[in-house]
N, C-alpha and C. Protein backbone atom coordinates (compact mmCIF):
# COMPACT_ATOMS: atom_id res chain seq x y z
N MET A 1 0.92 -1.15 0.00
CA MET A 1 0.20 -0.21 0.05
C MET A 1 0.94 1.32 0.05
N PHE A 2 0.50 2.22 -0.78
CA PHE A 2 1.30 3.26 -0.98
C PHE A 2 0.39 4.49 -1.27
N LEU A 3 0.78 5.83 -0.66
CA LEU A 3 -0.05 7.03 -0.89
C LEU A 3 1.00 8.40 -1.29
N VAL A 4 0.91 9.03 -2.52
CA VAL A 4 1.90 9.92 -2.85
C VAL A 4 1.13 10.94 -3.20
N ILE A 5 1.07 12.02 -2.74
CA ILE A 5 0.60 13.52 -3.41
C ILE A 5 1.44 14.02 -4.02
N THR A 6 1.00 14.27 -5.19
CA THR A 6 1.79 14.67 -6.44
C THR A 6 1.88 16.03 -6.45
N GLN A 7 0.59 16.81 -6.25
CA GLN A 7 0.12 18.44 -6.12
C GLN A 7 -0.81 18.78 -4.95
N PRO A 8 -0.40 19.51 -4.71
CA PRO A 8 0.37 20.43 -4.66
C PRO A 8 1.92 20.21 -3.79
N THR A 9 2.90 20.87 -3.70
CA THR A 9 4.38 20.29 -2.63
C THR A 9 4.10 21.24 -1.49
N ASP A 10 4.48 20.54 -0.55
CA ASP A 10 4.66 20.90 0.85
C ASP A 10 5.24 22.18 1.04
N GLY A 11 4.39 23.24 1.66
CA GLY A 11 4.83 24.26 1.85
C GLY A 11 4.39 25.24 0.25
N ALA A 12 3.86 24.91 -0.58
CA ALA A 12 3.39 25.73 -1.57
C ALA A 12 2.92 27.05 -1.00
N GLN A 13 3.10 28.31 -1.94
CA GLN A 13 2.23 29.46 -1.96
C GLN A 13 1.49 30.05 -2.96
N VAL A 14 -0.03 29.67 -2.54
CA VAL A 14 -0.81 29.89 -3.79
C VAL A 14 -1.66 31.27 -3.39
N SER A 15 -2.22 32.11 -4.71
CA SER A 15 -2.70 32.92 -4.51
C SER A 15 -4.30 32.79 -4.96
N ALA A 16 -4.57 31.76 -5.48
CA ALA A 16 -6.26 31.12 -5.59
C ALA A 16 -6.70 30.31 -4.33
N SER A 17 -7.87 30.76 -4.12
CA SER A 17 -8.43 29.45 -2.79
C SER A 17 -9.11 28.37 -3.09
N ASN A 18 -9.22 28.17 -4.19
CA ASN A 18 -9.66 26.84 -4.89
C ASN A 18 -8.43 26.28 -5.58
N ILE A 19 -7.87 25.12 -5.33
CA ILE A 19 -6.84 24.43 -5.77
C ILE A 19 -6.83 22.46 -5.65
N GLY A 20 -6.42 22.21 -6.73
CA GLY A 20 -6.65 20.96 -7.18
C GLY A 20 -5.73 19.88 -6.41
N ILE A 21 -6.00 18.91 -5.54
CA ILE A 21 -5.13 17.70 -4.76
C ILE A 21 -4.82 16.60 -5.80
N THR A 22 -3.73 15.98 -6.49
CA THR A 22 -3.71 15.05 -6.79
C THR A 22 -2.75 14.34 -6.23
N GLY A 23 -3.16 13.02 -6.66
CA GLY A 23 -1.82 12.09 -5.90
C GLY A 23 -1.88 10.59 -6.86
N LYS A 24 -1.55 9.68 -6.00
CA LYS A 24 -1.45 8.51 -6.38
C LYS A 24 -1.54 7.35 -5.64
N THR A 25 -2.22 6.29 -5.72
CA THR A 25 -2.04 5.20 -4.52
C THR A 25 -2.30 3.90 -5.48
N ILE A 26 -3.02 2.63 -4.87
CA ILE A 26 -3.28 1.56 -5.43
C ILE A 26 -4.96 1.63 -5.69
N PRO A 27 -4.62 1.01 -7.39
CA PRO A 27 -6.05 1.30 -7.61
C PRO A 27 -7.63 0.42 -6.66
N GLY A 28 -8.62 0.90 -6.64
CA GLY A 28 -9.45 0.10 -5.66
C GLY A 28 -9.64 0.85 -4.14
N ALA A 29 -8.34 1.79 -4.00
CA ALA A 29 -8.13 2.20 -2.70
C ALA A 29 -9.63 3.34 -2.26
N VAL A 30 -10.00 3.61 -1.20
CA VAL A 30 -10.27 4.80 -0.70
C VAL A 30 -9.85 5.57 -0.47
N VAL A 31 -9.77 7.05 -0.91
CA VAL A 31 -9.44 8.15 -0.74
C VAL A 31 -9.83 9.20 0.20
N SER A 32 -9.84 9.41 1.16
CA SER A 32 -10.30 10.81 2.12
C SER A 32 -9.42 11.95 1.90
N VAL A 33 -10.08 13.26 1.74
CA VAL A 33 -9.01 14.53 1.72
C VAL A 33 -9.51 15.23 2.73
N SER A 34 -8.74 15.53 3.71
CA SER A 34 -9.29 16.64 5.14
C SER A 34 -8.54 18.00 5.00
N ILE A 35 -9.58 18.86 5.11
CA ILE A 35 -8.90 20.14 5.00
C ILE A 35 -10.02 21.04 5.67
N ASN A 36 -9.53 22.36 6.82
CA ASN A 36 -10.22 22.76 7.57
C ASN A 36 -11.61 22.39 8.04
N ASP A 37 -11.89 21.18 8.67
CA ASP A 37 -12.89 20.53 9.03
C ASP A 37 -14.02 19.95 7.97
N GLU A 38 -13.26 19.64 6.69
CA GLU A 38 -14.04 19.08 5.47
C GLU A 38 -13.67 18.11 5.06
N ILE A 39 -14.52 17.05 4.93
CA ILE A 39 -13.91 15.91 4.55
C ILE A 39 -14.39 15.50 2.98
N GLU A 40 -13.50 14.92 2.08
CA GLU A 40 -14.31 14.69 0.65
C GLU A 40 -13.66 13.30 0.56
N ILE A 41 -14.30 12.34 0.29
CA ILE A 41 -14.33 10.99 -0.49
C ILE A 41 -13.90 11.47 -1.78
N VAL A 42 -12.78 10.56 -2.27
CA VAL A 42 -12.19 11.05 -3.64
C VAL A 42 -12.48 9.45 -4.33
N THR A 43 -12.72 9.48 -5.87
CA THR A 43 -12.58 8.32 -6.37
C THR A 43 -11.38 8.10 -7.11
N VAL A 44 -10.63 7.02 -6.84
CA VAL A 44 -9.67 6.31 -7.31
C VAL A 44 -9.48 5.75 -8.66
N GLY A 45 -8.99 6.37 -9.57
CA GLY A 45 -8.98 5.70 -11.07
C GLY A 45 -8.48 4.56 -11.05
N GLN A 46 -8.94 3.74 -12.51
CA GLN A 46 -7.96 2.05 -12.48
C GLN A 46 -6.37 2.30 -12.32
N ASP A 47 -6.07 3.46 -12.67
CA ASP A 47 -4.22 3.78 -12.36
C ASP A 47 -4.08 4.21 -11.27
N GLY A 48 -4.85 4.35 -10.43
CA GLY A 48 -4.59 4.41 -9.05
C GLY A 48 -4.30 6.20 -8.52
N LYS A 49 -4.81 7.01 -9.74
CA LYS A 49 -4.62 8.17 -9.76
C LYS A 49 -6.04 8.86 -9.12
N PHE A 50 -5.93 10.07 -8.38
CA PHE A 50 -6.93 10.89 -8.03
C PHE A 50 -6.83 12.32 -7.86
N THR A 51 -7.90 13.12 -8.30
CA THR A 51 -7.83 14.44 -8.10
C THR A 51 -9.24 14.86 -7.45
N VAL A 52 -8.83 15.98 -6.51
CA VAL A 52 -10.18 17.03 -5.97
C VAL A 52 -9.71 18.01 -5.62
N ARG A 53 -10.95 18.91 -5.55
CA ARG A 53 -10.46 20.55 -5.80
C ARG A 53 -11.06 20.89 -4.21
N VAL A 54 -10.23 21.49 -3.84
CA VAL A 54 -10.53 21.65 -2.01
C VAL A 54 -10.33 23.16 -1.86
N THR A 55 -11.12 24.31 -1.33
CA THR A 55 -11.08 25.47 -1.05
C THR A 55 -10.63 25.69 0.50
N LEU A 56 -9.30 26.79 0.08
CA LEU A 56 -8.32 27.37 0.92
C LEU A 56 -8.94 28.07 2.24
N GLU A 57 -8.50 28.45 3.35
CA GLU A 57 -8.83 29.67 3.91
C GLU A 57 -7.33 30.17 3.85
N GLU A 58 -7.26 31.41 4.01
CA GLU A 58 -6.48 32.46 4.39
C GLU A 58 -5.39 32.00 4.99
N GLY A 59 -3.89 32.32 4.93
CA GLY A 59 -2.91 31.41 5.74
C GLY A 59 -2.64 30.31 5.33
N PRO A 60 -1.98 29.24 6.55
CA PRO A 60 -2.11 28.01 6.21
C PRO A 60 -2.87 26.99 6.42
N ASN A 61 -2.78 26.05 5.49
CA ASN A 61 -4.21 25.22 5.38
C ASN A 61 -3.03 23.79 5.34
N LEU A 62 -3.53 22.92 6.01
CA LEU A 62 -3.13 21.44 6.55
C LEU A 62 -4.19 20.96 5.66
N ILE A 63 -3.42 19.89 4.65
CA ILE A 63 -4.70 18.90 3.95
C ILE A 63 -3.86 17.59 4.41
N GLU A 64 -4.98 16.64 4.98
CA GLU A 64 -4.38 15.34 5.12
C GLU A 64 -5.40 14.53 4.01
N VAL A 65 -4.47 13.72 3.78
CA VAL A 65 -4.96 12.50 2.56
C VAL A 65 -4.78 10.93 3.43
N VAL A 66 -5.99 10.30 3.10
CA VAL A 66 -5.80 9.01 4.00
C VAL A 66 -6.27 8.01 2.42
N ALA A 67 -5.40 6.90 2.42
CA ALA A 67 -5.71 6.01 1.64
C ALA A 67 -5.88 4.49 2.40
N SER A 68 -7.00 3.96 2.00
CA SER A 68 -7.43 2.78 2.82
C SER A 68 -7.97 1.36 1.54
N ASP A 69 -7.13 0.26 1.92
CA ASP A 69 -7.74 -0.75 0.95
C ASP A 69 -8.61 -1.63 1.54
N GLN A 70 -9.10 -2.63 0.68
CA GLN A 70 -10.05 -3.46 1.22
C GLN A 70 -10.03 -4.49 2.53
N GLN A 71 -8.56 -4.66 3.15
CA GLN A 71 -8.04 -5.04 3.77
C GLN A 71 -8.10 -4.35 5.20
N GLY A 72 -8.14 -3.29 4.82
CA GLY A 72 -8.19 -2.27 6.07
C GLY A 72 -6.85 -1.12 6.17
N ASN A 73 -5.74 -1.56 5.32
CA ASN A 73 -4.44 -0.91 5.60
C ASN A 73 -4.94 0.43 5.16
N GLU A 74 -4.05 1.20 5.88
CA GLU A 74 -4.18 2.88 5.83
C GLU A 74 -2.69 3.45 5.51
N LYS A 75 -2.72 4.44 4.58
CA LYS A 75 -1.75 5.12 4.72
C LYS A 75 -1.91 6.82 4.48
N PHE A 76 -1.09 7.35 5.31
CA PHE A 76 -1.68 8.80 5.91
C PHE A 76 -0.37 9.63 4.78
N ALA A 77 -0.60 10.92 4.34
CA ALA A 77 0.07 12.00 3.76
C ALA A 77 -0.63 13.20 4.23
N THR A 78 0.26 14.04 4.60
CA THR A 78 0.09 15.69 4.49
C THR A 78 0.66 16.76 3.85
N VAL A 79 0.03 17.73 3.14
CA VAL A 79 0.79 18.77 2.98
C VAL A 79 0.41 19.93 3.66
N THR A 80 1.07 21.18 3.87
CA THR A 80 0.72 22.58 4.01
C THR A 80 0.61 23.33 2.76
N VAL A 81 -0.61 23.81 2.68
CA VAL A 81 -0.60 24.86 1.53
C VAL A 81 -0.79 26.60 2.30
N ILE A 82 -0.36 27.28 1.51
CA ILE A 82 -0.10 28.78 2.09
C ILE A 82 -1.10 29.63 0.93
N TYR A 83 -2.26 29.91 1.39
CA TYR A 83 -3.07 30.96 0.76
C TYR A 83 -3.03 32.31 1.24
N ILE A 84 -2.47 32.95 0.07
CA ILE A 84 -2.12 34.47 0.41
C ILE A 84 -2.98 35.28 -0.88
N PRO A 85 -3.87 35.78 -0.24
CA PRO A 85 -4.91 36.59 -1.60
C PRO A 85 -4.19 37.56 -1.96
C-alpha cells in the first residue's frame, strides 16, 4: 500500500483559494481528503490516480489525505499549503 500527493508540494504558496489536490495510490483504494474540518471522499481511477478540488482559508492550510484498501490497511500523507490572497 502506498500514497503519494503529487500536487501541490508541501509548503506551496498559492494566490487562488480553490486548488486541485492530485496523487496516486493503489487502484481500488478509498481516499479521503480532509482540510479545515471538511472531508471529501475521492474516486480513485483504475491507474490509482485521484484528483479533488478544495477551498483554502487565508494563511496555512493543513491537507490530510488517507488511503485505505479493502483489507483495512491505511496510508497517511499531509501537505501544508499557504493561501496568500
